[in-house]
Amino acid sequence: MAGIFEVFIDGDSFFRFRLKSPDGLVIAISTPFEDKPSVVAGIAAARECAGMGLVTDLCPAAVVREPAVTVRPGTDAQACHEPRKAVDAFRTRAKELRRASTAPRWTGAA
């Protein structure tokens, strides 16, 4: 289901529209418009641009940090990491077996 546009009059007696998601969450609220035909034109412009709009990332470039490892008191930090090594080794072996079983098989002559 698509979003819903609602036209309303704000506290300053201007026309505005809001875009609501199917579950009722307000996604966007427009700028004020003087009359109803202009707010309808604003909705048409929003519909036209929304599907094809480009995304511009204005966030500053930052280094992605690894999540901190939490060690409970009374446990050995090295022992916490050993099971992960075993799981990684199992996954690597599983990939090798899968590659071997999916090799092309040529049956008969053409």
PDB file of N, CA and C in Angstrom:
ATOM      1  N   MET A   1       0.838  -1.175   0.000  1.00  0.00           N
ATOM      2  CA  MET A   1       0.000   0.000   0.000  1.00  0.00           C
ATOM      3  C   MET A   1       0.880   1.235   0.000  1.00  0.00           C
ATOM      4  N   ALA A   2       0.461   2.260  -0.694  1.00  0.00           N
ATOM      5  CA  ALA A   2       1.233   3.489  -0.827  1.00  0.00           C
ATOM      6  C   ALA A   2       0.973   4.419   0.355  1.00  0.00           C
ATOM      7  N   GLY A   3       1.780   5.475   0.424  1.00  0.00           N
ATOM      8  CA  GLY A   3       1.587   6.491   1.445  1.00  0.00           C
ATOM      9  C   GLY A   3       0.318   7.294   1.179  1.00  0.00           C
ATOM     10  N   ILE A   4      -0.073   8.084   2.160  1.00  0.00           N
ATOM     11  CA  ILE A   4      -1.292   8.878   2.074  1.00  0.00           C
ATOM     12  C   ILE A   4      -0.926  10.351   2.230  1.00  0.00           C
ATOM     13  N   PHE A   5      -1.404  11.192   1.309  1.00  0.00           N
ATOM     14  CA  PHE A   5      -1.234  12.631   1.422  1.00  0.00           C
ATOM     15  C   PHE A   5      -2.474  13.205   2.100  1.00  0.00           C
ATOM     16  N   GLU A   6      -2.277  14.018   3.117  1.00  0.00           N
ATOM     17  CA  GLU A   6      -3.377  14.693   3.797  1.00  0.00           C
ATOM     18  C   GLU A   6      -3.186  16.190   3.669  1.00  0.00           C
ATOM     19  N   VAL A   7      -4.226  16.907   3.224  1.00  0.00           N
ATOM     20  CA  VAL A   7      -4.194  18.363   3.134  1.00  0.00           C
ATOM     21  C   VAL A   7      -4.850  18.904   4.392  1.00  0.00           C
ATOM     22  N   PHE A   8      -4.208  19.893   5.013  1.00  0.00           N
ATOM     23  CA  PHE A   8      -4.770  20.480   6.227  1.00  0.00           C
ATOM     24  C   PHE A   8      -4.409  21.970   6.292  1.00  0.00           C
ATOM     25  N   ILE A   9      -5.040  22.680   7.209  1.00  0.00           N
ATOM     26  CA  ILE A   9      -4.749  24.097   7.443  1.00  0.00           C
ATOM     27  C   ILE A   9      -4.017  24.197   8.769  1.00  0.00           C
ATOM     28  N   ASP A  10      -2.845  24.846   8.743  1.00  0.00           N
ATOM     29  CA  ASP A  10      -2.045  24.938   9.959  1.00  0.00           C
ATOM     30  C   ASP A  10      -2.544  26.073  10.856  1.00  0.00           C
ATOM     31  N   GLY A  11      -1.855  26.324  11.949  1.00  0.00           N
ATOM     32  CA  GLY A  11      -2.250  27.339  12.918  1.00  0.00           C
ATOM     33  C   GLY A  11      -2.189  28.767  12.393  1.00  0.00           C
ATOM     34  N   ASP A  12      -1.406  28.996  11.331  1.00  0.00           N
ATOM     35  CA  ASP A  12      -1.284  30.333  10.735  1.00  0.00           C
ATOM     36  C   ASP A  12      -2.213  30.507   9.545  1.00  0.00           C
ATOM     37  N   SER A  13      -3.172  29.625   9.363  1.00  0.00           N
ATOM     38  CA  SER A  13      -4.167  29.649   8.273  1.00  0.00           C
ATOM     39  C   SER A  13      -3.555  29.458   6.889  1.00  0.00           C
ATOM     40  N   PHE A  14      -2.498  28.693   6.801  1.00  0.00           N
ATOM     41  CA  PHE A  14      -1.914  28.316   5.517  1.00  0.00           C
ATOM     42  C   PHE A  14      -2.268  26.866   5.229  1.00  0.00           C
ATOM     43  N   PHE A  15      -2.334  26.527   3.952  1.00  0.00           N
ATOM     44  CA  PHE A  15      -2.551  25.143   3.544  1.00  0.00           C
ATOM     45  C   PHE A  15      -1.215  24.415   3.586  1.00  0.00           C
ATOM     46  N   ARG A  16      -1.247  23.194   4.048  1.00  0.00           N
ATOM     47  CA  ARG A  16      -0.073  22.324   4.050  1.00  0.00           C
ATOM     48  C   ARG A  16      -0.540  20.913   3.719  1.00  0.00           C
ATOM     49  N   PHE A  17       0.432  20.056   3.389  1.00  0.00           N
ATOM     50  CA  PHE A  17       0.115  18.631   3.273  1.00  0.00           C
ATOM     51  C   PHE A  17       1.140  17.839   4.046  1.00  0.00           C
ATOM     52  N   ARG A  18       0.709  16.685   4.489  1.00  0.00           N
ATOM     53  CA  ARG A  18       1.640  15.767   5.155  1.00  0.00           C
ATOM     54  C   ARG A  18       1.545  14.420   4.463  1.00  0.00           C
ATOM     55  N   LEU A  19       2.670  13.739   4.411  1.00  0.00           N
ATOM     56  CA  LEU A  19       2.732  12.397   3.843  1.00  0.00           C
ATOM     57  C   LEU A  19       2.801  11.418   4.999  1.00  0.00           C
ATOM     58  N   LYS A  20       1.862  10.465   5.003  1.00  0.00           N
ATOM     59  CA  LYS A  20       1.805   9.467   6.073  1.00  0.00           C
ATOM     60  C   LYS A  20       2.052   8.082   5.482  1.00  0.00           C
ATOM     61  N   SER A  21       2.747   7.270   6.241  1.00  0.00           N
ATOM     62  CA  SER A  21       2.992   5.886   5.828  1.00  0.00           C
ATOM     63  C   SER A  21       1.700   5.083   6.012  1.00  0.00           C
ATOM     64  N   PRO A  22       1.628   3.884   5.435  1.00  0.00           N
ATOM     65  CA  PRO A  22       0.417   3.070   5.592  1.00  0.00           C
ATOM     66  C   PRO A  22       0.046   2.780   7.045  1.00  0.00           C
ATOM     67  N   ASP A  23       1.044   2.777   7.939  1.00  0.00           N
ATOM     68  CA  ASP A  23       0.725   2.518   9.347  1.00  0.00           C
ATOM     69  C   ASP A  23       0.411   3.790  10.127  1.00  0.00           C
ATOM     70  N   GLY A  24       0.326   4.947   9.442  1.00  0.00           N
ATOM     71  CA  GLY A  24      -0.095   6.190  10.080  1.00  0.00           C
ATOM     72  C   GLY A  24       1.023   7.086  10.572  1.00  0.00           C
ATOM     73  N   LEU A  25       2.275   6.709  10.380  1.00  0.00           N
ATOM     74  CA  LEU A  25       3.407   7.510  10.809  1.00  0.00           C
ATOM     75  C   LEU A  25       3.603   8.672   9.849  1.00  0.00           C
ATOM     76  N   VAL A  26       3.758   9.903  10.369  1.00  0.00           N
ATOM     77  CA  VAL A  26       3.979  11.068   9.522  1.00  0.00           C
ATOM     78  C   VAL A  26       5.421  11.044   9.034  1.00  0.00           C
ATOM     79  N   ILE A  27       5.590  11.022   7.714  1.00  0.00           N
ATOM     80  CA  ILE A  27       6.916  10.955   7.112  1.00  0.00           C
ATOM     81  C   ILE A  27       7.433  12.342   6.756  1.00  0.00           C
ATOM     82  N   ALA A  28       6.554  13.200   6.221  1.00  0.00           N
ATOM     83  CA  ALA A  28       6.975  14.532   5.792  1.00  0.00           C
ATOM     84  C   ALA A  28       5.827  15.511   5.936  1.00  0.00           C
ATOM     85  N   ILE A  29       6.180  16.777   6.186  1.00  0.00           N
ATOM     86  CA  ILE A  29       5.211  17.875   6.230  1.00  0.00           C
ATOM     87  C   ILE A  29       5.722  18.947   5.277  1.00  0.00           C
ATOM     88  N   SER A  30       4.826  19.486   4.480  1.00  0.00           N
ATOM     89  CA  SER A  30       5.207  20.454   3.446  1.00  0.00           C
ATOM     90  C   SER A  30       5.431  21.846   4.019  1.00  0.00           C
ATOM     91  N   THR A  31       5.898  22.714   3.156  1.00  0.00           N
ATOM     92  CA  THR A  31       5.973  24.140   3.455  1.00  0.00           C
ATOM     93  C   THR A  31       4.570  24.734   3.313  1.00  0.00           C
ATOM     94  N   PRO A  32       4.342  25.938   3.819  1.00  0.00           N
ATOM     95  CA  PRO A  32       2.994  26.518   3.707  1.00  0.00           C
ATOM     96  C   PRO A  32       2.658  26.959   2.282  1.00  0.00           C
ATOM     97  N   PHE A  33       1.381  26.815   1.906  1.00  0.00           N
ATOM     98  CA  PHE A  33       0.863  27.247   0.611  1.00  0.00           C
ATOM     99  C   PHE A  33      -0.268  28.244   0.848  1.00  0.00           C
ATOM    100  N   GLU A  34      -0.447  29.158  -0.097  1.00  0.00           N
ATOM    101  CA  GLU A  34      -1.468  30.197   0.034  1.00  0.00           C
ATOM    102  C   GLU A  34      -2.887  29.687  -0.219  1.00  0.00           C
ATOM    103  N   ASP A  35      -3.046  28.772  -1.197  1.00  0.00           N
ATOM    104  CA  ASP A  35      -4.391  28.318  -1.543  1.00  0.00           C
ATOM    105  C   ASP A  35      -4.369  26.827  -1.875  1.00  0.00           C
ATOM    106  N   LYS A  36      -5.569  26.268  -2.037  1.00  0.00           N
ATOM    107  CA  LYS A  36      -5.690  24.825  -2.252  1.00  0.00           C
ATOM    108  C   LYS A  36      -5.107  24.375  -3.594  1.00  0.00           C
ATOM    109  N   PRO A  37      -5.294  25.107  -4.720  1.00  0.00           N
ATOM    110  CA  PRO A  37      -4.676  24.665  -5.974  1.00  0.00           C
ATOM    111  C   PRO A  37      -3.144  24.579  -5.905  1.00  0.00           C
ATOM    112  N   SER A  38      -2.527  25.477  -5.137  1.00  0.00           N
ATOM    113  CA  SER A  38      -1.067  25.419  -5.030  1.00  0.00           C
ATOM    114  C   SER A  38      -0.613  24.233  -4.173  1.00  0.00           C
ATOM    115  N   VAL A  39      -1.393  23.877  -3.140  1.00  0.00           N
ATOM    116  CA  VAL A  39      -1.020  22.719  -2.340  1.00  0.00           C
ATOM    117  C   VAL A  39      -1.200  21.433  -3.154  1.00  0.00           C
ATOM    118  N   VAL A  40      -2.208  21.390  -4.023  1.00  0.00           N
ATOM    119  CA  VAL A  40      -2.398  20.226  -4.896  1.00  0.00           C
ATOM    120  C   VAL A  40      -1.230  20.121  -5.887  1.00  0.00           C
ATOM    121  N   ALA A  41      -0.769  21.265  -6.401  1.00  0.00           N
ATOM    122  CA  ALA A  41       0.399  21.260  -7.285  1.00  0.00           C
ATOM    123  C   ALA A  41       1.649  20.798  -6.526  1.00  0.00           C
ATOM    124  N   GLY A  42       1.760  21.160  -5.246  1.00  0.00           N
ATOM    125  CA  GLY A  42       2.886  20.700  -4.428  1.00  0.00           C
ATOM    126  C   GLY A  42       2.872  19.195  -4.227  1.00  0.00           C
ATOM    127  N   ILE A  43       1.678  18.635  -4.040  1.00  0.00           N
ATOM    128  CA  ILE A  43       1.557  17.177  -3.908  1.00  0.00           C
ATOM    129  C   ILE A  43       1.967  16.496  -5.212  1.00  0.00           C
ATOM    130  N   ALA A  44       1.526  17.070  -6.344  1.00  0.00           N
ATOM    131  CA  ALA A  44       1.902  16.495  -7.642  1.00  0.00           C
ATOM    132  C   ALA A  44       3.414  16.536  -7.831  1.00  0.00           C
ATOM    133  N   ALA A  45       4.054  17.625  -7.421  1.00  0.00           N
ATOM    134  CA  ALA A  45       5.515  17.738  -7.537  1.00  0.00           C
ATOM    135  C   ALA A  45       6.210  16.725  -6.629  1.00  0.00           C
ATOM    136  N   ALA A  46       5.674  16.534  -5.425  1.00  0.00           N
ATOM    137  CA  ALA A  46       6.274  15.560  -4.507  1.00  0.00           C
ATOM    138  C   ALA A  46       6.143  14.147  -5.064  1.00  0.00           C
ATOM    139  N   ARG A  47       4.995  13.836  -5.651  1.00  0.00           N
ATOM    140  CA  ARG A  47       4.821  12.512  -6.257  1.00  0.00           C
ATOM    141  C   ARG A  47       5.783  12.309  -7.419  1.00  0.00           C
ATOM    142  N   GLU A  48       5.980  13.344  -8.205  1.00  0.00           N
ATOM    143  CA  GLU A  48       6.860  13.251  -9.374  1.00  0.00           C
ATOM    144  C   GLU A  48       8.311  13.029  -8.962  1.00  0.00           C
ATOM    145  N   CYS A  49       8.756  13.745  -7.951  1.00  0.00           N
ATOM    146  CA  CYS A  49      10.173  13.696  -7.558  1.00  0.00           C
ATOM    147  C   CYS A  49      10.507  12.558  -6.608  1.00  0.00           C
ATOM    148  N   ALA A  50       9.542  12.085  -5.840  1.00  0.00           N
ATOM    149  CA  ALA A  50       9.844  11.117  -4.779  1.00  0.00           C
ATOM    150  C   ALA A  50      10.376   9.801  -5.319  1.00  0.00           C
ATOM    151  N   GLY A  51       9.801   9.301  -6.387  1.00  0.00           N
ATOM    152  CA  GLY A  51      10.224   8.012  -6.913  1.00  0.00           C
ATOM    153  C   GLY A  51      11.577   8.044  -7.584  1.00  0.00           C
ATOM    154  N   MET A  52      11.967   9.187  -8.108  1.00  0.00           N
ATOM    155  CA  MET A  52      13.213   9.283  -8.863  1.00  0.00           C
ATOM    156  C   MET A  52      14.255  10.127  -8.155  1.00  0.00           C
ATOM    157  N   GLY A  53      13.995  10.508  -6.930  1.00  0.00           N
ATOM    158  CA  GLY A  53      14.911  11.395  -6.220  1.00  0.00           C
ATOM    159  C   GLY A  53      16.249  10.747  -5.928  1.00  0.00           C
ATOM    160  N   LEU A  54      17.301  11.515  -6.097  1.00  0.00           N
ATOM    161  CA  LEU A  54      18.641  11.046  -5.772  1.00  0.00           C
ATOM    162  C   LEU A  54      18.884  11.196  -4.280  1.00  0.00           C
ATOM    163  N   VAL A  55      19.750  10.382  -3.750  1.00  0.00           N
ATOM    164  CA  VAL A  55      20.108  10.448  -2.337  1.00  0.00           C
ATOM    165  C   VAL A  55      21.484  11.083  -2.240  1.00  0.00           C
ATOM    166  N   THR A  56      21.589  12.139  -1.454  1.00  0.00           N
ATOM    167  CA  THR A  56      22.862  12.809  -1.231  1.00  0.00           C
ATOM    168  C   THR A  56      23.270  12.586   0.206  1.00  0.00           C
ATOM    169  N   ASP A  57      24.457  12.029   0.414  1.00  0.00           N
ATOM    170  CA  ASP A  57      24.956  11.747   1.752  1.00  0.00           C
ATOM    171  C   ASP A  57      25.703  12.980   2.255  1.00  0.00           C
ATOM    172  N   LEU A  58      25.161  13.660   3.249  1.00  0.00           N
ATOM    173  CA  LEU A  58      25.782  14.847   3.811  1.00  0.00           C
ATOM    174  C   LEU A  58      26.493  14.563   5.133  1.00  0.00           C
ATOM    175  N   CYS A  59      26.567  13.286   5.492  1.00  0.00           N
ATOM    176  CA  CYS A  59      27.235  12.907   6.736  1.00  0.00           C
ATOM    177  C   CYS A  59      28.743  13.030   6.561  1.00  0.00           C
ATOM    178  N   PRO A  60      29.447  13.464   7.602  1.00  0.00           N
ATOM    179  CA  PRO A  60      30.907  13.533   7.490  1.00  0.00           C
ATOM    180  C   PRO A  60      31.496  12.137   7.385  1.00  0.00           C
ATOM    181  N   ALA A  61      32.578  12.028   6.634  1.00  0.00           N
ATOM    182  CA  ALA A  61      33.247  10.735   6.492  1.00  0.00           C
ATOM    183  C   ALA A  61      33.822  10.346   7.846  1.00  0.00           C
ATOM    184  N   ALA A  62      33.544   9.147   8.263  1.00  0.00           N
ATOM    185  CA  ALA A  62      34.016   8.678   9.562  1.00  0.00           C
ATOM    186  C   ALA A  62      34.468   7.237   9.427  1.00  0.00           C
ATOM    187  N   VAL A  63      35.333   6.855  10.293  1.00  0.00           N
ATOM    188  CA  VAL A  63      35.811   5.489  10.326  1.00  0.00           C
ATOM    189  C   VAL A  63      34.759   4.647  11.039  1.00  0.00           C
ATOM    190  N   VAL A  64      34.416   3.536  10.448  1.00  0.00           N
ATOM    191  CA  VAL A  64      33.445   2.642  11.072  1.00  0.00           C
ATOM    192  C   VAL A  64      34.154   1.888  12.182  1.00  0.00           C
ATOM    193  N   ARG A  65      33.596   1.984  13.354  1.00  0.00           N
ATOM    194  CA  ARG A  65      34.227   1.332  14.502  1.00  0.00           C
ATOM    195  C   ARG A  65      33.656  -0.057  14.687  1.00  0.00           C
ATOM    196  N   GLU A  66      34.493  -0.951  15.120  1.00  0.00           N
ATOM    197  CA  GLU A  66      34.061  -2.305  15.467  1.00  0.00           C
ATOM    198  C   GLU A  66      33.343  -2.244  16.808  1.00  0.00           C
ATOM    199  N   PRO A  67      32.313  -3.035  16.990  1.00  0.00           N
ATOM    200  CA  PRO A  67      31.643  -3.034  18.286  1.00  0.00           C
ATOM    201  C   PRO A  67      32.578  -3.551  19.378  1.00  0.00           C
ATOM    202  N   ALA A  68      32.443  -2.981  20.545  1.00  0.00           N
ATOM    203  CA  ALA A  68      33.294  -3.376  21.658  1.00  0.00           C
ATOM    204  C   ALA A  68      32.911  -4.774  22.121  1.00  0.00           C
ATOM    205  N   VAL A  69      33.924  -5.544  22.478  1.00  0.00           N
ATOM    206  CA  VAL A  69      33.688  -6.892  22.990  1.00  0.00           C
ATOM    207  C   VAL A  69      33.466  -6.782  24.483  1.00  0.00           C
ATOM    208  N   THR A  70      32.360  -7.298  24.940  1.00  0.00           N
ATOM    209  CA  THR A  70      32.049  -7.257  26.365  1.00  0.00           C
ATOM    210  C   THR A  70      32.467  -8.579  26.995  1.00  0.00           C
ATOM    211  N   VAL A  71      33.293  -8.485  28.005  1.00  0.00           N
ATOM    212  CA  VAL A  71      33.744  -9.676  28.717  1.00  0.00           C
ATOM    213  C   VAL A  71      33.128  -9.631  30.104  1.00  0.00           C
ATOM    214  N   ARG A  72      32.426 -10.696  30.462  1.00  0.00           N
ATOM    215  CA  ARG A  72      31.809 -10.753  31.780  1.00  0.00           C
ATOM    216  C   ARG A  72      32.878 -10.985  32.841  1.00  0.00           C
ATOM    217  N   PRO A  73      32.665 -10.403  33.997  1.00  0.00           N
ATOM    218  CA  PRO A  73      33.636 -10.643  35.075  1.00  0.00           C
ATOM    219  C   PRO A  73      33.708 -12.127  35.415  1.00  0.00           C
ATOM    220  N   GLY A  74      34.916 -12.602  35.611  1.00  0.00           N
ATOM    221  CA  GLY A  74      35.114 -13.995  35.979  1.00  0.00           C
ATOM    222  C   GLY A  74      35.292 -14.926  34.796  1.00  0.00           C
ATOM    223  N   THR A  75      35.310 -14.390  33.549  1.00  0.00           N
ATOM    224  CA  THR A  75      35.541 -15.231  32.379  1.00  0.00           C
ATOM    225  C   THR A  75      36.856 -14.844  31.739  1.00  0.00           C
ATOM    226  N   ASP A  76      37.427 -15.781  31.020  1.00  0.00           N
ATOM    227  CA  ASP A  76      38.680 -15.532  30.337  1.00  0.00           C
ATOM    228  C   ASP A  76      38.381 -14.950  28.955  1.00  0.00           C
ATOM    229  N   ALA A  77      38.973 -13.806  28.635  1.00  0.00           N
ATOM    230  CA  ALA A  77      38.693 -13.139  27.361  1.00  0.00           C
ATOM    231  C   ALA A  77      39.121 -14.005  26.181  1.00  0.00           C
ATOM    232  N   GLN A  78      40.231 -14.732  26.293  1.00  0.00           N
ATOM    233  CA  GLN A  78      40.702 -15.574  25.195  1.00  0.00           C
ATOM    234  C   GLN A  78      39.742 -16.729  24.953  1.00  0.00           C
ATOM    235  N   ALA A  79      39.183 -17.291  26.005  1.00  0.00           N
ATOM    236  CA  ALA A  79      38.256 -18.410  25.865  1.00  0.00           C
ATOM    237  C   ALA A  79      36.988 -17.986  25.138  1.00  0.00           C
ATOM    238  N   CYS A  80      36.621 -16.726  25.249  1.00  0.00           N
ATOM    239  CA  CYS A  80      35.418 -16.233  24.570  1.00  0.00           C
ATOM    240  C   CYS A  80      35.593 -16.227  23.059  1.00  0.00           C
ATOM    241  N   HIS A  81      36.810 -16.045  22.579  1.00  0.00           N
ATOM    242  CA  HIS A  81      37.055 -15.938  21.141  1.00  0.00           C
ATOM    243  C   HIS A  81      37.338 -17.273  20.470  1.00  0.00           C
ATOM    244  N   GLU A  82      37.694 -18.312  21.224  1.00  0.00           N
ATOM    245  CA  GLU A  82      38.000 -19.604  20.630  1.00  0.00           C
ATOM    246  C   GLU A  82      36.813 -20.246  19.933  1.00  0.00           C
ATOM    247  N   PRO A  83      35.588 -20.207  20.462  1.00  0.00           N
ATOM    248  CA  PRO A  83      34.465 -20.809  19.734  1.00  0.00           C
ATOM    249  C   PRO A  83      34.233 -20.141  18.381  1.00  0.00           C
ATOM    250  N   ARG A  84      34.503 -18.864  18.274  1.00  0.00           N
ATOM    251  CA  ARG A  84      34.318 -18.176  17.000  1.00  0.00           C
ATOM    252  C   ARG A  84      35.288 -18.720  15.954  1.00  0.00           C
ATOM    253  N   LYS A  85      36.513 -19.008  16.356  1.00  0.00           N
ATOM    254  CA  LYS A  85      37.481 -19.574  15.419  1.00  0.00           C
ATOM    255  C   LYS A  85      36.989 -20.924  14.909  1.00  0.00           C
ATOM    256  N   ALA A  86      36.409 -21.713  15.782  1.00  0.00           N
ATOM    257  CA  ALA A  86      35.891 -23.021  15.377  1.00  0.00           C
ATOM    258  C   ALA A  86      34.735 -22.856  14.399  1.00  0.00           C
ATOM    259  N   VAL A  87      33.867 -21.894  14.632  1.00  0.00           N
ATOM    260  CA  VAL A  87      32.745 -21.658  13.727  1.00  0.00           C
ATOM    261  C   VAL A  87      33.257 -21.196  12.375  1.00  0.00           C
ATOM    262  N   ASP A  88      34.252 -20.298  12.353  1.00  0.00           N
ATOM    263  CA  ASP A  88      34.821 -19.825  11.084  1.00  0.00           C
ATOM    264  C   ASP A  88      35.468 -20.970  10.311  1.00  0.00           C
ATOM    265  N   ALA A  89      36.165 -21.880  11.015  1.00  0.00           N
ATOM    266  CA  ALA A  89      36.780 -23.021  10.355  1.00  0.00           C
ATOM    267  C   ALA A  89      35.705 -23.936   9.765  1.00  0.00           C
ATOM    268  N   PHE A  90      34.610 -24.119  10.474  1.00  0.00           N
ATOM    269  CA  PHE A  90      33.516 -24.946   9.982  1.00  0.00           C
ATOM    270  C   PHE A  90      32.921 -24.335   8.708  1.00  0.00           C
ATOM    271  N   ARG A  91      32.715 -23.016   8.707  1.00  0.00           N
ATOM    272  CA  ARG A  91      32.143 -22.352   7.532  1.00  0.00           C
ATOM    273  C   ARG A  91      33.075 -22.457   6.332  1.00  0.00           C
ATOM    274  N   THR A  92      34.372 -22.296   6.574  1.00  0.00           N
ATOM    275  CA  THR A  92      35.336 -22.406   5.479  1.00  0.00           C
ATOM    276  C   THR A  92      35.301 -23.811   4.896  1.00  0.00           C
ATOM    277  N   ARG A  93      35.264 -24.836   5.739  1.00  0.00           N
ATOM    278  CA  ARG A  93      35.217 -26.221   5.273  1.00  0.00           C
ATOM    279  C   ARG A  93      33.906 -26.478   4.523  1.00  0.00           C
ATOM    280  N   ALA A  94      32.801 -25.927   5.016  1.00  0.00           N
ATOM    281  CA  ALA A  94      31.511 -26.113   4.347  1.00  0.00           C
ATOM    282  C   ALA A  94      31.527 -25.497   2.951  1.00  0.00           C
ATOM    283  N   LYS A  95      32.159 -24.342   2.802  1.00  0.00           N
ATOM    284  CA  LYS A  95      32.262 -23.711   1.477  1.00  0.00           C
ATOM    285  C   LYS A  95      33.070 -24.584   0.526  1.00  0.00           C
ATOM    286  N   GLU A  96      34.165 -25.170   1.026  1.00  0.00           N
ATOM    287  CA  GLU A  96      34.990 -26.030   0.179  1.00  0.00           C
ATOM    288  C   GLU A  96      34.191 -27.249  -0.283  1.00  0.00           C
ATOM    289  N   LEU A  97      33.429 -27.854   0.624  1.00  0.00           N
ATOM    290  CA  LEU A  97      32.621 -29.013   0.254  1.00  0.00           C
ATOM    291  C   LEU A  97      31.534 -28.633  -0.750  1.00  0.00           C
ATOM    292  N   ARG A  98      30.936 -27.479  -0.570  1.00  0.00           N
ATOM    293  CA  ARG A  98      29.882 -27.041  -1.475  1.00  0.00           C
ATOM    294  C   ARG A  98      30.454 -26.798  -2.875  1.00  0.00           C
ATOM    295  N   ARG A  99      31.645 -26.217  -2.954  1.00  0.00           N
ATOM    296  CA  ARG A  99      32.277 -25.996  -4.257  1.00  0.00           C
ATOM    297  C   ARG A  99      32.582 -27.316  -4.950  1.00  0.00           C
ATOM    298  N   ALA A 100      33.053 -28.284  -4.167  1.00  0.00           N
ATOM    299  CA  ALA A 100      33.399 -29.575  -4.747  1.00  0.00           C
ATOM    300  C   ALA A 100      32.157 -30.295  -5.259  1.00  0.00           C
ATOM    301  N   SER A 101      31.039 -30.154  -4.566  1.00  0.00           N
ATOM    302  CA  SER A 101      29.839 -30.872  -4.981  1.00  0.00           C
ATOM    303  C   SER A 101      29.104 -30.174  -6.124  1.00  0.00           C
ATOM    304  N   THR A 102      29.413 -28.919  -6.380  1.00  0.00           N
ATOM    305  CA  THR A 102      28.724 -28.203  -7.447  1.00  0.00           C
ATOM    306  C   THR A 102      29.563 -28.077  -8.708  1.00  0.00           C
ATOM    307  N   ALA A 103      30.648 -28.863  -8.792  1.00  0.00           N
ATOM    308  CA  ALA A 103      31.479 -28.823  -9.996  1.00  0.00           C
ATOM    309  C   ALA A 103      30.665 -29.356 -11.182  1.00  0.00           C
ATOM    310  N   PRO A 104      30.906 -28.820 -12.378  1.00  0.00           N
ATOM    311  CA  PRO A 104      30.110 -29.277 -13.533  1.00  0.00           C
ATOM    312  C   PRO A 104      30.361 -30.753 -13.821  1.00  0.00           C
ATOM    313  N   ARG A 105      29.309 -31.441 -14.174  1.00  0.00           N
ATOM    314  CA  ARG A 105      29.411 -32.849 -14.510  1.00  0.00           C
ATOM    315  C   ARG A 105      29.000 -33.006 -15.973  1.00  0.00           C
ATOM    316  N   TRP A 106      29.880 -33.545 -16.756  1.00  0.00           N
ATOM    317  CA  TRP A 106      29.601 -33.731 -18.178  1.00  0.00           C
ATOM    318  C   TRP A 106      29.107 -35.150 -18.372  1.00  0.00           C
ATOM    319  N   THR A 107      27.947 -35.288 -18.901  1.00  0.00           N
ATOM    320  CA  THR A 107      27.397 -36.636 -19.103  1.00  0.00           C
ATOM    321  C   THR A 107      27.198 -36.878 -20.593  1.00  0.00           C
ATOM    322  N   GLY A 108      27.852 -37.879 -21.084  1.00  0.00           N
ATOM    323  CA  GLY A 108      27.667 -38.280 -22.479  1.00  0.00           C
ATOM    324  C   GLY A 108      28.266 -37.306 -23.480  1.00  0.00           C
ATOM    325  N   ALA A 109      28.287 -37.682 -24.697  1.00  0.00           N
ATOM    326  CA  ALA A 109      28.803 -36.837 -25.763  1.00  0.00           C
ATOM    327  C   ALA A 109      27.661 -36.074 -26.395  1.00  0.00           C
ATOM    328  N   ALA A 110      27.978 -34.963 -26.968  1.00  0.00           N
ATOM    329  CA  ALA A 110      26.945 -34.116 -27.572  1.00  0.00           C
ATOM    330  C   ALA A 110      26.520 -34.609 -28.902  1.00  0.00           C
TER     331      ALA A 110
END
